[in-house]
């Protein structure tokens, strides 16, 4: 925020990166440049990725495992758990 980024962009960057600061900084650069959230960057979760993460269809789950890797997959589940507990998401 001190560098002039919009608050909404900061929150979006943190949300789509499971609050990983280094990744959020990369996404914040995209957002402030008007490029949106990148959809091809491992560690950056799109709405479609989140849908696949929670799918019962293994081919969809495999898609996000391939894109993000097992560690980021686990981290995303932990992020969702924390976000639900704190009321950030339902």
N, C-alpha and C. Protein backbone atom coordinates (compact mmCIF):
# COMPACT_ATOMS: atom_id res chain seq x y z
N UNK A 1 0.81 -1.19 0.00
CA UNK A 1 0.00 0.00 0.00
C UNK A 1 0.86 1.26 0.00
N UNK A 2 1.97 1.17 0.72
CA UNK A 2 2.86 2.32 0.79
C UNK A 2 3.45 2.68 -0.58
N UNK A 3 3.50 1.70 -1.48
CA UNK A 3 4.04 1.95 -2.81
C UNK A 3 2.96 2.37 -3.81
N UNK A 4 1.74 2.56 -3.31
CA UNK A 4 0.67 3.05 -4.16
C UNK A 4 -0.27 2.00 -4.73
N UNK A 5 -0.15 0.76 -4.30
CA UNK A 5 -1.03 -0.29 -4.79
C UNK A 5 -2.42 -0.12 -4.17
N UNK A 6 -3.43 -0.49 -4.94
CA UNK A 6 -4.80 -0.45 -4.42
C UNK A 6 -4.97 -1.55 -3.37
N UNK A 7 -5.73 -1.24 -2.34
CA UNK A 7 -5.98 -2.21 -1.28
C UNK A 7 -6.63 -3.48 -1.83
N UNK A 8 -7.56 -3.31 -2.76
CA UNK A 8 -8.24 -4.48 -3.34
C UNK A 8 -7.26 -5.37 -4.09
N UNK A 9 -6.26 -4.76 -4.74
CA UNK A 9 -5.25 -5.55 -5.45
C UNK A 9 -4.39 -6.33 -4.47
N UNK A 10 -4.06 -5.72 -3.35
CA UNK A 10 -3.25 -6.39 -2.33
C UNK A 10 -4.01 -7.61 -1.80
N UNK A 11 -5.28 -7.43 -1.49
CA UNK A 11 -6.09 -8.55 -0.98
C UNK A 11 -6.25 -9.64 -2.04
N UNK A 12 -6.47 -9.25 -3.29
CA UNK A 12 -6.60 -10.24 -4.37
C UNK A 12 -5.31 -11.02 -4.54
N UNK A 13 -4.17 -10.33 -4.48
CA UNK A 13 -2.88 -10.99 -4.65
C UNK A 13 -2.62 -11.98 -3.51
N UNK A 14 -2.95 -11.58 -2.30
CA UNK A 14 -2.76 -12.49 -1.16
C UNK A 14 -3.71 -13.68 -1.24
N UNK A 15 -4.96 -13.43 -1.61
CA UNK A 15 -5.95 -14.50 -1.69
C UNK A 15 -5.56 -15.54 -2.73
N UNK A 16 -5.15 -15.12 -3.91
CA UNK A 16 -4.89 -16.09 -4.98
C UNK A 16 -3.54 -16.80 -4.82
N UNK A 17 -2.74 -16.37 -3.88
CA UNK A 17 -1.45 -17.02 -3.64
C UNK A 17 -1.40 -17.72 -2.28
N UNK A 18 -2.55 -17.92 -1.69
CA UNK A 18 -2.64 -18.55 -0.36
C UNK A 18 -1.81 -17.80 0.67
N UNK A 19 -1.70 -16.50 0.48
CA UNK A 19 -1.02 -15.58 1.40
C UNK A 19 0.49 -15.81 1.46
N UNK A 20 1.07 -16.26 0.36
CA UNK A 20 2.52 -16.42 0.27
C UNK A 20 3.09 -15.09 -0.22
N UNK A 21 3.83 -14.36 0.64
CA UNK A 21 4.24 -13.00 0.31
C UNK A 21 5.01 -12.84 -1.00
N UNK A 22 5.97 -13.69 -1.27
CA UNK A 22 6.76 -13.56 -2.49
C UNK A 22 5.92 -13.72 -3.74
N UNK A 23 5.03 -14.69 -3.73
CA UNK A 23 4.13 -14.89 -4.86
C UNK A 23 3.15 -13.73 -4.97
N UNK A 24 2.65 -13.26 -3.84
CA UNK A 24 1.71 -12.15 -3.85
C UNK A 24 2.34 -10.90 -4.45
N UNK A 25 3.62 -10.67 -4.18
CA UNK A 25 4.32 -9.52 -4.77
C UNK A 25 4.34 -9.62 -6.29
N UNK A 26 4.57 -10.83 -6.81
CA UNK A 26 4.58 -11.03 -8.27
C UNK A 26 3.20 -10.73 -8.86
N UNK A 27 2.18 -11.25 -8.22
CA UNK A 27 0.81 -11.03 -8.72
C UNK A 27 0.43 -9.56 -8.60
N UNK A 28 0.84 -8.92 -7.53
CA UNK A 28 0.52 -7.51 -7.35
C UNK A 28 1.07 -6.67 -8.50
N UNK A 29 2.23 -7.03 -9.00
CA UNK A 29 2.79 -6.32 -10.16
C UNK A 29 1.89 -6.47 -11.39
N UNK A 30 1.37 -7.68 -11.60
CA UNK A 30 0.43 -7.90 -12.70
C UNK A 30 -0.82 -7.04 -12.52
N UNK A 31 -1.37 -7.06 -11.32
CA UNK A 31 -2.61 -6.34 -11.06
C UNK A 31 -2.45 -4.83 -11.21
N UNK A 32 -1.36 -4.29 -10.69
CA UNK A 32 -1.16 -2.84 -10.80
C UNK A 32 -0.87 -2.42 -12.23
N UNK A 33 -0.39 -3.36 -13.05
CA UNK A 33 -0.15 -3.07 -14.47
C UNK A 33 -1.42 -3.27 -15.31
N UNK A 34 -2.51 -3.67 -14.64
CA UNK A 34 -3.77 -3.87 -15.35
C UNK A 34 -3.87 -5.17 -16.10
N UNK A 35 -2.99 -6.12 -15.78
CA UNK A 35 -2.96 -7.40 -16.50
C UNK A 35 -3.85 -8.47 -15.88
N UNK A 36 -4.35 -8.27 -14.69
CA UNK A 36 -5.16 -9.28 -14.03
C UNK A 36 -4.31 -10.36 -13.39
N UNK A 37 -4.99 -11.33 -12.82
CA UNK A 37 -4.31 -12.45 -12.16
C UNK A 37 -3.85 -13.43 -13.22
N UNK A 38 -2.55 -13.76 -13.25
CA UNK A 38 -2.06 -14.70 -14.27
C UNK A 38 -2.67 -16.09 -14.07
N UNK A 39 -3.03 -16.72 -15.17
CA UNK A 39 -3.68 -18.03 -15.06
C UNK A 39 -2.75 -19.19 -15.37
N UNK A 40 -1.49 -18.88 -15.63
CA UNK A 40 -0.55 -19.94 -16.01
C UNK A 40 0.67 -20.01 -15.08
N UNK A 41 0.55 -19.44 -13.90
CA UNK A 41 1.68 -19.37 -12.98
C UNK A 41 1.48 -20.33 -11.80
N UNK A 42 2.35 -21.33 -11.66
CA UNK A 42 2.24 -22.23 -10.50
C UNK A 42 2.27 -21.43 -9.20
N UNK A 43 1.39 -21.78 -8.28
CA UNK A 43 1.31 -21.07 -7.01
C UNK A 43 0.32 -19.93 -7.01
N UNK A 44 -0.24 -19.62 -8.18
CA UNK A 44 -1.25 -18.58 -8.29
C UNK A 44 -2.56 -19.26 -8.67
N UNK A 45 -3.51 -19.21 -7.77
CA UNK A 45 -4.75 -19.96 -7.89
C UNK A 45 -5.86 -19.11 -8.48
N UNK A 46 -6.39 -19.55 -9.60
CA UNK A 46 -7.53 -18.89 -10.22
C UNK A 46 -8.82 -19.48 -9.65
N UNK A 47 -9.94 -18.86 -9.97
CA UNK A 47 -11.24 -19.40 -9.54
C UNK A 47 -11.43 -20.81 -10.11
N UNK A 48 -10.99 -21.03 -11.34
CA UNK A 48 -11.10 -22.36 -11.95
C UNK A 48 -10.22 -23.36 -11.21
N UNK A 49 -9.01 -22.95 -10.83
CA UNK A 49 -8.13 -23.83 -10.05
C UNK A 49 -8.79 -24.23 -8.73
N UNK A 50 -9.39 -23.25 -8.06
CA UNK A 50 -10.05 -23.53 -6.79
C UNK A 50 -11.22 -24.49 -6.98
N UNK A 51 -11.94 -24.33 -8.07
CA UNK A 51 -13.03 -25.25 -8.38
C UNK A 51 -12.50 -26.66 -8.59
N UNK A 52 -11.41 -26.78 -9.32
CA UNK A 52 -10.79 -28.09 -9.56
C UNK A 52 -10.28 -28.70 -8.26
N UNK A 53 -9.70 -27.88 -7.41
CA UNK A 53 -9.17 -28.35 -6.13
C UNK A 53 -10.24 -29.06 -5.31
N UNK A 54 -11.44 -28.54 -5.36
CA UNK A 54 -12.53 -29.06 -4.54
C UNK A 54 -13.44 -30.04 -5.29
N UNK A 55 -13.06 -30.39 -6.50
CA UNK A 55 -13.89 -31.27 -7.32
C UNK A 55 -13.79 -32.72 -6.86
N UNK A 56 -14.82 -33.47 -7.16
CA UNK A 56 -14.81 -34.89 -6.89
C UNK A 56 -14.24 -35.68 -8.07
N UNK A 57 -14.10 -35.01 -9.19
CA UNK A 57 -13.57 -35.63 -10.41
C UNK A 57 -12.04 -35.57 -10.37
N UNK A 58 -11.41 -36.75 -10.31
CA UNK A 58 -9.96 -36.79 -10.15
C UNK A 58 -9.21 -36.10 -11.28
N UNK A 59 -9.74 -36.11 -12.50
CA UNK A 59 -9.04 -35.47 -13.60
C UNK A 59 -8.91 -33.96 -13.37
N UNK A 60 -9.90 -33.37 -12.71
CA UNK A 60 -9.83 -31.94 -12.38
C UNK A 60 -8.82 -31.70 -11.25
N UNK A 61 -8.82 -32.59 -10.27
CA UNK A 61 -7.85 -32.47 -9.18
C UNK A 61 -6.44 -32.64 -9.73
N UNK A 62 -6.26 -33.61 -10.62
CA UNK A 62 -4.94 -33.85 -11.22
C UNK A 62 -4.45 -32.62 -11.97
N UNK A 63 -5.37 -31.90 -12.61
CA UNK A 63 -5.00 -30.69 -13.35
C UNK A 63 -4.30 -29.68 -12.44
N UNK A 64 -4.86 -29.44 -11.23
CA UNK A 64 -4.22 -28.48 -10.34
C UNK A 64 -2.98 -29.05 -9.67
N UNK A 65 -2.95 -30.35 -9.46
CA UNK A 65 -1.73 -30.97 -8.93
C UNK A 65 -0.59 -30.81 -9.92
N UNK A 66 -0.89 -30.97 -11.20
CA UNK A 66 0.13 -30.81 -12.24
C UNK A 66 0.59 -29.36 -12.33
N UNK A 67 -0.34 -28.43 -12.28
CA UNK A 67 -0.01 -27.01 -12.40
C UNK A 67 0.76 -26.49 -11.18
N UNK A 68 0.29 -26.84 -9.98
CA UNK A 68 0.82 -26.22 -8.77
C UNK A 68 1.78 -27.10 -7.98
N UNK A 69 1.66 -28.41 -8.11
CA UNK A 69 2.49 -29.32 -7.33
C UNK A 69 1.83 -29.70 -6.03
N UNK A 70 2.30 -30.79 -5.45
CA UNK A 70 1.69 -31.34 -4.24
C UNK A 70 1.81 -30.41 -3.04
N UNK A 71 2.93 -29.74 -2.89
CA UNK A 71 3.12 -28.85 -1.73
C UNK A 71 2.17 -27.66 -1.79
N UNK A 72 2.06 -27.03 -2.95
CA UNK A 72 1.14 -25.90 -3.10
C UNK A 72 -0.31 -26.36 -2.95
N UNK A 73 -0.60 -27.57 -3.41
CA UNK A 73 -1.94 -28.15 -3.26
C UNK A 73 -2.29 -28.25 -1.77
N UNK A 74 -1.36 -28.80 -0.99
CA UNK A 74 -1.56 -28.93 0.45
C UNK A 74 -1.70 -27.55 1.10
N UNK A 75 -0.84 -26.61 0.69
CA UNK A 75 -0.90 -25.26 1.24
C UNK A 75 -2.24 -24.59 0.94
N UNK A 76 -2.80 -24.86 -0.25
CA UNK A 76 -4.08 -24.25 -0.60
C UNK A 76 -5.19 -24.80 0.30
N UNK A 77 -5.18 -26.10 0.58
CA UNK A 77 -6.17 -26.66 1.50
C UNK A 77 -6.04 -26.02 2.88
N UNK A 78 -4.82 -25.81 3.34
CA UNK A 78 -4.60 -25.17 4.63
C UNK A 78 -5.10 -23.73 4.62
N UNK A 79 -4.86 -23.04 3.50
CA UNK A 79 -5.36 -21.66 3.36
C UNK A 79 -6.88 -21.64 3.47
N UNK A 80 -7.56 -22.55 2.73
CA UNK A 80 -9.02 -22.60 2.80
C UNK A 80 -9.50 -22.88 4.22
N UNK A 81 -8.85 -23.78 4.91
CA UNK A 81 -9.23 -24.10 6.28
C UNK A 81 -9.11 -22.87 7.17
N UNK A 82 -7.99 -22.17 7.07
CA UNK A 82 -7.77 -20.96 7.86
C UNK A 82 -8.77 -19.88 7.48
N UNK A 83 -9.02 -19.71 6.20
CA UNK A 83 -9.94 -18.66 5.73
C UNK A 83 -11.37 -18.94 6.22
N UNK A 84 -11.75 -20.19 6.22
CA UNK A 84 -13.09 -20.53 6.73
C UNK A 84 -13.20 -20.29 8.23
N UNK A 85 -12.17 -20.68 8.96
CA UNK A 85 -12.18 -20.51 10.41
C UNK A 85 -12.24 -19.04 10.82
N UNK A 86 -11.61 -18.18 10.04
CA UNK A 86 -11.57 -16.75 10.38
C UNK A 86 -12.68 -15.96 9.71
N UNK A 87 -13.51 -16.61 8.89
CA UNK A 87 -14.63 -15.94 8.26
C UNK A 87 -14.29 -15.19 6.98
N UNK A 88 -13.09 -15.41 6.44
CA UNK A 88 -12.73 -14.76 5.18
C UNK A 88 -13.55 -15.33 4.01
N UNK A 89 -13.87 -16.60 4.09
CA UNK A 89 -14.71 -17.25 3.09
C UNK A 89 -15.70 -18.15 3.81
N UNK A 90 -16.75 -18.52 3.09
CA UNK A 90 -17.75 -19.42 3.67
C UNK A 90 -17.49 -20.83 3.27
